[in-house]
Amino acid sequence: MLKSMTGFGRSIAGESQNKIEVQIKSVNSRFLDLKFRGLNIDLSLEDEIRNQISKSLLRGSIQVRVDRIETSDSGTEKFNKDRYETIQNVLNEVHVKYGQRLGISDLITTNDLLISVEQNNFDHNVLKLAISESLEELNNMRLEEGRVIQNQMMIFLEDLKNRIHLIAKEASSYSKKRKVLLKEKISELLSDDSIDEVRIIQEVALLAERADISEEIVRCQSHFNQLEVYFNDKNPVGKRISFLIQEIGREINTIGSKSPQVYITNHVVEMKDLLEKIREQIQNVL
């Protein structure tokens, strides 16, 4: 099953000041190009996430955006519970030992009970969870688009197979007619004593070899079968298919240059067009 390199995944994980949103976008690229946006992530954590994404996506231009989702209790300051309880214990002790009842406002202000929260401080496990969920959604989208691409390319491949079959049939028929014509021409030439018989036979053999497209047809059929195998491979095959498309293109060009028949030439033109459509689609296949 083919997998596209295009996809999008989004996930929200955590709660309060640890509520994180992750968005991962992927488009086609020859290599893995990974970029981060949004919250600053320390280098050690970024390396972990890079490895996590690299193992999952393998190839493509990837953009990862990490944002904190602001909630009513996720501001830049929060209540310092530990400090409040410590001060209350002190006030109780003063009352017990000295009989003096003081209020907390006698010692500190409200701002003294607030502590700053760094915007980039968050639970690393929450981020890793959001990354995993986003990757799962993105890969599902890649698989779905890959399925659509594969179905379309199978239609193109079946058309190619049919046309190479028709070319092979026509070439075989033409070869028989050509042999009869060559024999008649040779007999006519050999009736002239001034012509070198050996030289004629050599030239005819050379012409026959140059016009023979049977090897190219066999190689095309073999390549088409291999394409179908790649289409159903679970492993990344985009680069291998691209190479195979180049080889098929060479064989089709050779068939076109060797064959003088308009019927075959027309099929060659259509096959080149089909091959170009496959080439365009395969640029987005992993």
Protein backbone atom coordinates (compact mmCIF):
# COMPACT_ATOMS: atom_id res chain seq x y z
CA MET A 1 0.00 0.00 0.00
CA LEU A 2 1.39 3.36 -1.04
CA LYS A 3 1.62 6.21 1.45
CA SER A 4 1.48 9.89 0.52
CA MET A 5 3.91 12.42 1.97
CA THR A 6 1.12 14.98 2.43
CA GLY A 7 -0.79 15.02 5.70
CA PHE A 8 -1.94 16.98 8.74
CA GLY A 9 -2.33 15.99 12.36
CA ARG A 10 -3.57 17.94 15.38
CA SER A 11 -3.85 17.01 19.04
CA ILE A 12 -4.55 18.66 22.40
CA ALA A 13 -3.23 17.07 25.59
CA GLY A 14 -2.88 17.98 29.25
CA GLU A 15 -4.85 20.41 31.40
CA SER A 16 -4.51 23.81 33.09
CA GLN A 17 -1.07 25.32 32.47
CA ASN A 18 0.04 21.99 30.97
CA LYS A 19 -2.57 22.05 28.19
CA ILE A 20 -0.66 21.78 24.92
CA GLU A 21 -1.76 21.90 21.29
CA VAL A 22 0.40 20.27 18.62
CA GLN A 23 -0.06 20.64 14.87
CA ILE A 24 2.10 18.70 12.39
CA LYS A 25 1.99 19.42 8.66
CA SER A 26 3.78 17.37 6.02
CA VAL A 27 4.34 17.92 2.29
CA ASN A 28 6.52 16.12 -0.23
CA SER A 29 10.29 16.47 -0.21
CA ARG A 30 13.22 14.35 -1.35
CA PHE A 31 14.57 14.26 2.20
CA LEU A 32 13.39 14.79 5.79
CA ASP A 33 13.22 18.51 6.58
CA LEU A 34 11.91 19.15 10.11
CA LYS A 35 11.09 22.61 11.51
CA PHE A 36 9.61 23.68 14.85
CA ARG A 37 7.36 26.67 15.53
CA GLY A 38 5.65 28.09 18.62
CA LEU A 39 6.89 27.43 22.16
CA ASN A 40 10.61 27.19 22.73
CA ILE A 41 11.63 23.63 23.50
CA ASP A 42 14.92 22.78 25.19
CA LEU A 43 17.41 21.03 22.94
CA SER A 44 17.36 17.65 24.67
CA LEU A 45 13.58 17.40 24.38
CA GLU A 46 13.68 18.64 20.79
CA ASP A 47 16.15 15.87 19.91
CA GLU A 48 13.79 13.28 21.40
CA ILE A 49 10.86 14.65 19.42
CA ARG A 50 12.94 14.79 16.22
CA ASN A 51 13.78 11.11 16.61
CA GLN A 52 10.13 10.30 17.33
CA ILE A 53 8.94 12.13 14.22
CA SER A 54 11.77 10.85 11.99
CA LYS A 55 10.97 7.21 12.80
CA SER A 56 7.29 7.78 12.07
CA LEU A 57 7.35 9.97 8.94
CA LEU A 58 10.73 9.03 7.36
CA ARG A 59 10.60 11.66 4.58
CA GLY A 60 8.95 14.97 3.74
CA SER A 61 9.01 18.65 4.63
CA ILE A 62 7.60 18.64 8.16
CA GLN A 63 6.44 21.64 10.20
CA VAL A 64 5.68 21.10 13.89
CA ARG A 65 3.87 23.81 15.84
CA VAL A 66 3.59 23.62 19.63
CA ASP A 67 1.34 26.08 21.50
CA ARG A 68 0.09 26.40 25.05
CA ILE A 69 -3.68 26.69 25.29
CA GLU A 70 -4.58 29.48 27.71
CA THR A 71 -7.24 28.63 30.30
CA SER A 72 -8.63 30.51 33.30
CA ASP A 73 -6.00 28.93 35.54
CA SER A 74 -3.10 28.90 33.12
CA GLY A 75 -1.93 32.48 33.45
CA THR A 76 1.62 33.57 33.95
CA GLU A 77 1.07 33.61 37.75
CA LYS A 78 -0.46 31.11 40.13
CA PHE A 79 -1.30 30.81 43.82
CA ASN A 80 1.63 29.79 46.03
CA LYS A 81 -0.09 27.24 48.22
CA ASP A 82 3.06 26.17 50.08
CA ARG A 83 3.90 29.73 51.10
CA TYR A 84 0.35 30.42 52.26
CA GLU A 85 0.30 27.33 54.49
CA THR A 86 3.72 28.20 55.96
CA ILE A 87 2.56 31.73 56.90
CA GLN A 88 -0.65 30.38 58.42
CA ASN A 89 1.39 28.03 60.61
CA VAL A 90 3.51 30.99 61.78
CA LEU A 91 0.39 33.02 62.61
CA ASN A 92 -1.09 30.13 64.61
CA GLU A 93 2.17 29.73 66.52
CA VAL A 94 2.23 33.45 67.38
CA HIS A 95 -1.34 33.24 68.66
CA VAL A 96 -0.60 30.16 70.78
CA LYS A 97 2.66 31.45 72.30
CA TYR A 98 1.95 35.14 72.62
CA GLY A 99 -1.82 35.45 72.51
CA GLN A 100 -1.54 37.83 69.63
CA ARG A 101 -4.00 37.26 66.79
CA LEU A 102 -2.67 38.55 63.51
CA GLY A 103 -4.12 38.38 60.03
CA ILE A 104 -2.15 37.30 57.02
CA SER A 105 -2.51 40.79 55.55
CA ASP A 106 -0.46 42.08 58.50
CA LEU A 107 2.57 40.28 57.12
CA ILE A 108 2.24 40.11 53.35
CA THR A 109 0.23 41.39 50.42
CA THR A 110 -1.79 39.34 47.96
CA ASN A 111 0.98 39.60 45.36
CA ASP A 112 3.32 37.85 47.80
CA LEU A 113 1.18 34.74 47.47
CA LEU A 114 1.58 34.59 43.70
CA ILE A 115 4.44 32.96 41.86
CA SER A 116 5.44 33.43 38.24
CA VAL A 117 4.94 30.56 35.84
CA GLU A 118 7.33 30.36 32.91
CA GLN A 119 5.40 30.10 29.66
CA ASN A 120 7.73 27.43 28.36
CA ASN A 121 7.51 25.26 31.46
CA PHE A 122 5.27 22.29 30.74
CA ASP A 123 5.11 18.57 31.29
CA HIS A 124 7.36 16.91 28.71
CA ASN A 125 5.26 13.74 28.78
CA VAL A 126 2.18 15.76 27.84
CA LEU A 127 4.02 17.14 24.81
CA LYS A 128 5.20 13.66 23.78
CA LEU A 129 1.63 12.38 24.04
CA ALA A 130 0.33 15.23 21.86
CA ILE A 131 3.08 14.55 19.31
CA SER A 132 2.17 10.83 19.18
CA GLU A 133 -1.53 11.55 18.67
CA SER A 134 -0.78 14.14 15.96
CA LEU A 135 1.52 11.70 14.17
CA GLU A 136 -1.16 9.01 14.23
CA GLU A 137 -3.71 11.35 12.66
CA LEU A 138 -1.19 12.57 10.07
CA ASN A 139 -0.18 9.02 9.11
CA ASN A 140 -3.83 8.01 8.72
CA MET A 141 -4.26 10.92 6.31
CA ARG A 142 -1.09 9.88 4.46
CA LEU A 143 -2.43 6.34 4.08
CA GLU A 144 -5.81 7.53 2.81
CA GLU A 145 -4.27 9.84 0.22
CA GLY A 146 -1.81 7.07 -0.71
CA ARG A 147 -4.76 4.75 -1.35
CA VAL A 148 -6.33 7.31 -3.72
CA ILE A 149 -3.01 7.76 -5.56
CA GLN A 150 -2.52 3.99 -5.82
CA ASN A 151 -5.99 3.44 -7.29
CA GLN A 152 -5.36 6.11 -9.91
CA MET A 153 -1.93 4.73 -10.81
CA MET A 154 -3.33 1.20 -11.13
CA ILE A 155 -5.70 2.54 -13.80
CA PHE A 156 -2.72 4.09 -15.63
CA LEU A 157 -0.74 0.84 -15.26
CA GLU A 158 -3.53 -1.31 -16.69
CA ASP A 159 -3.71 1.04 -19.68
CA LEU A 160 0.07 0.70 -20.18
CA LYS A 161 -0.16 -3.10 -20.01
CA ASN A 162 -2.95 -3.16 -22.55
CA ARG A 163 -1.06 -0.88 -24.96
CA ILE A 164 2.20 -2.86 -24.76
CA HIS A 165 0.16 -6.01 -25.48
CA LEU A 166 -1.34 -4.38 -28.59
CA ILE A 167 2.12 -3.18 -29.66
CA ALA A 168 3.54 -6.70 -29.25
CA LYS A 169 0.71 -8.15 -31.32
CA GLU A 170 1.15 -5.59 -34.09
CA ALA A 171 4.94 -5.94 -34.05
CA SER A 172 4.67 -9.71 -34.47
CA SER A 173 2.29 -9.35 -37.41
CA TYR A 174 4.46 -6.66 -39.00
CA SER A 175 7.59 -8.79 -38.54
CA LYS A 176 6.09 -11.62 -40.59
CA LYS A 177 5.08 -9.26 -43.39
CA ARG A 178 8.50 -7.63 -43.29
CA LYS A 179 10.27 -10.98 -43.66
CA VAL A 180 8.25 -11.80 -46.80
CA LEU A 181 9.03 -8.38 -48.30
CA LEU A 182 12.73 -8.71 -47.45
CA LYS A 183 12.95 -12.16 -49.03
CA GLU A 184 11.36 -10.88 -52.23
CA LYS A 185 13.73 -7.89 -52.28
CA ILE A 186 16.77 -10.07 -51.64
CA SER A 187 15.81 -12.47 -54.44
CA GLU A 188 15.42 -9.54 -56.79
CA LEU A 189 18.82 -8.11 -55.85
CA LEU A 190 20.60 -11.45 -56.03
CA SER A 191 19.49 -11.87 -59.62
CA ASP A 192 21.98 -9.11 -60.41
CA ASP A 193 25.45 -10.74 -60.61
CA SER A 194 27.21 -7.41 -59.98
CA ILE A 195 25.95 -7.21 -56.35
CA ASP A 196 27.90 -8.78 -53.48
CA GLU A 197 25.64 -11.45 -51.97
CA VAL A 198 27.46 -11.54 -48.61
CA ARG A 199 27.21 -7.77 -48.23
CA ILE A 200 23.47 -7.84 -48.92
CA ILE A 201 22.87 -10.53 -46.31
CA GLN A 202 24.86 -8.53 -43.71
CA GLU A 203 22.94 -5.32 -44.39
CA VAL A 204 19.59 -7.08 -44.26
CA ALA A 205 20.48 -8.76 -40.96
CA LEU A 206 21.51 -5.40 -39.53
CA LEU A 207 18.28 -3.75 -40.64
CA ALA A 208 16.21 -6.58 -39.19
CA GLU A 209 18.00 -6.31 -35.85
CA ARG A 210 17.53 -2.54 -35.69
CA ALA A 211 13.81 -2.87 -36.38
CA ASP A 212 13.23 -5.64 -33.78
CA ILE A 213 11.46 -4.34 -30.64
CA SER A 214 10.79 -7.70 -28.98
CA GLU A 215 13.41 -7.16 -26.24
CA GLU A 216 12.03 -3.73 -25.38
CA ILE A 217 8.52 -5.16 -25.18
CA VAL A 218 9.62 -7.96 -22.83
CA ARG A 219 11.48 -5.48 -20.58
CA CYS A 220 8.44 -3.17 -20.48
CA GLN A 221 6.19 -6.05 -19.46
CA SER A 222 8.66 -7.04 -16.74
CA HIS A 223 8.85 -3.46 -15.45
CA PHE A 224 5.05 -3.19 -15.39
CA ASN A 225 4.83 -6.33 -13.26
CA GLN A 226 7.44 -4.92 -10.90
CA LEU A 227 5.48 -1.66 -10.64
CA GLU A 228 2.44 -3.60 -9.48
CA VAL A 229 4.56 -5.32 -6.83
CA TYR A 230 5.78 -1.93 -5.59
CA PHE A 231 2.23 -0.56 -5.48
CA ASN A 232 1.31 -3.27 -2.97
CA ASP A 233 4.51 -3.09 -0.91
CA LYS A 234 4.12 -2.00 2.72
CA ASN A 235 7.56 -0.38 2.76
CA PRO A 236 8.41 3.09 1.34
CA VAL A 237 8.87 2.60 -2.42
CA GLY A 238 8.55 6.11 -3.88
CA LYS A 239 12.21 6.39 -4.89
CA ARG A 240 12.28 2.87 -6.36
CA ILE A 241 9.18 3.58 -8.43
CA SER A 242 10.75 6.83 -9.69
CA PHE A 243 13.81 4.89 -10.87
CA LEU A 244 11.65 2.23 -12.54
CA ILE A 245 9.62 4.92 -14.33
CA GLN A 246 12.87 6.23 -15.87
CA GLU A 247 13.74 2.74 -17.13
CA ILE A 248 10.27 2.26 -18.64
CA GLY A 249 10.59 5.65 -20.34
CA ARG A 250 13.83 4.57 -22.03
CA GLU A 251 12.23 1.36 -23.34
CA ILE A 252 9.21 3.22 -24.69
CA ASN A 253 11.43 5.79 -26.42
CA THR A 254 13.42 2.97 -28.06
CA ILE A 255 10.23 1.30 -29.29
CA GLY A 256 9.13 4.59 -30.82
CA SER A 257 12.45 5.20 -32.56
CA LYS A 258 12.72 1.65 -33.95
CA SER A 259 9.20 1.18 -35.21
CA PRO A 260 8.13 2.83 -38.50
CA GLN A 261 4.46 1.96 -37.99
CA VAL A 262 2.02 4.77 -37.28
CA TYR A 263 -0.16 2.41 -35.22
CA ILE A 264 2.72 1.69 -32.81
CA THR A 265 3.86 5.32 -32.80
CA ASN A 266 0.39 6.43 -31.67
CA HIS A 267 0.48 3.95 -28.79
CA VAL A 268 3.96 5.15 -27.83
CA VAL A 269 2.71 8.75 -27.61
CA GLU A 270 -0.17 7.68 -25.33
CA MET A 271 2.16 5.57 -23.18
CA LYS A 272 4.50 8.52 -22.69
CA ASP A 273 1.54 10.59 -21.50
CA LEU A 274 0.46 7.86 -19.06
CA LEU A 275 4.01 7.53 -17.78
CA GLU A 276 4.23 11.28 -17.16
CA LYS A 277 1.01 11.14 -15.13
CA ILE A 278 2.48 8.38 -12.97
CA ARG A 279 5.72 10.38 -12.61
CA GLU A 280 3.77 13.41 -11.34
CA GLN A 281 1.83 11.34 -8.82
CA ILE A 282 4.88 9.48 -7.53
CA GLN A 283 6.53 12.77 -6.50
CA ASN A 284 4.19 12.77 -3.50
CA VAL A 285 4.65 9.11 -2.56
CA LEU A 286 6.80 8.12 0.40
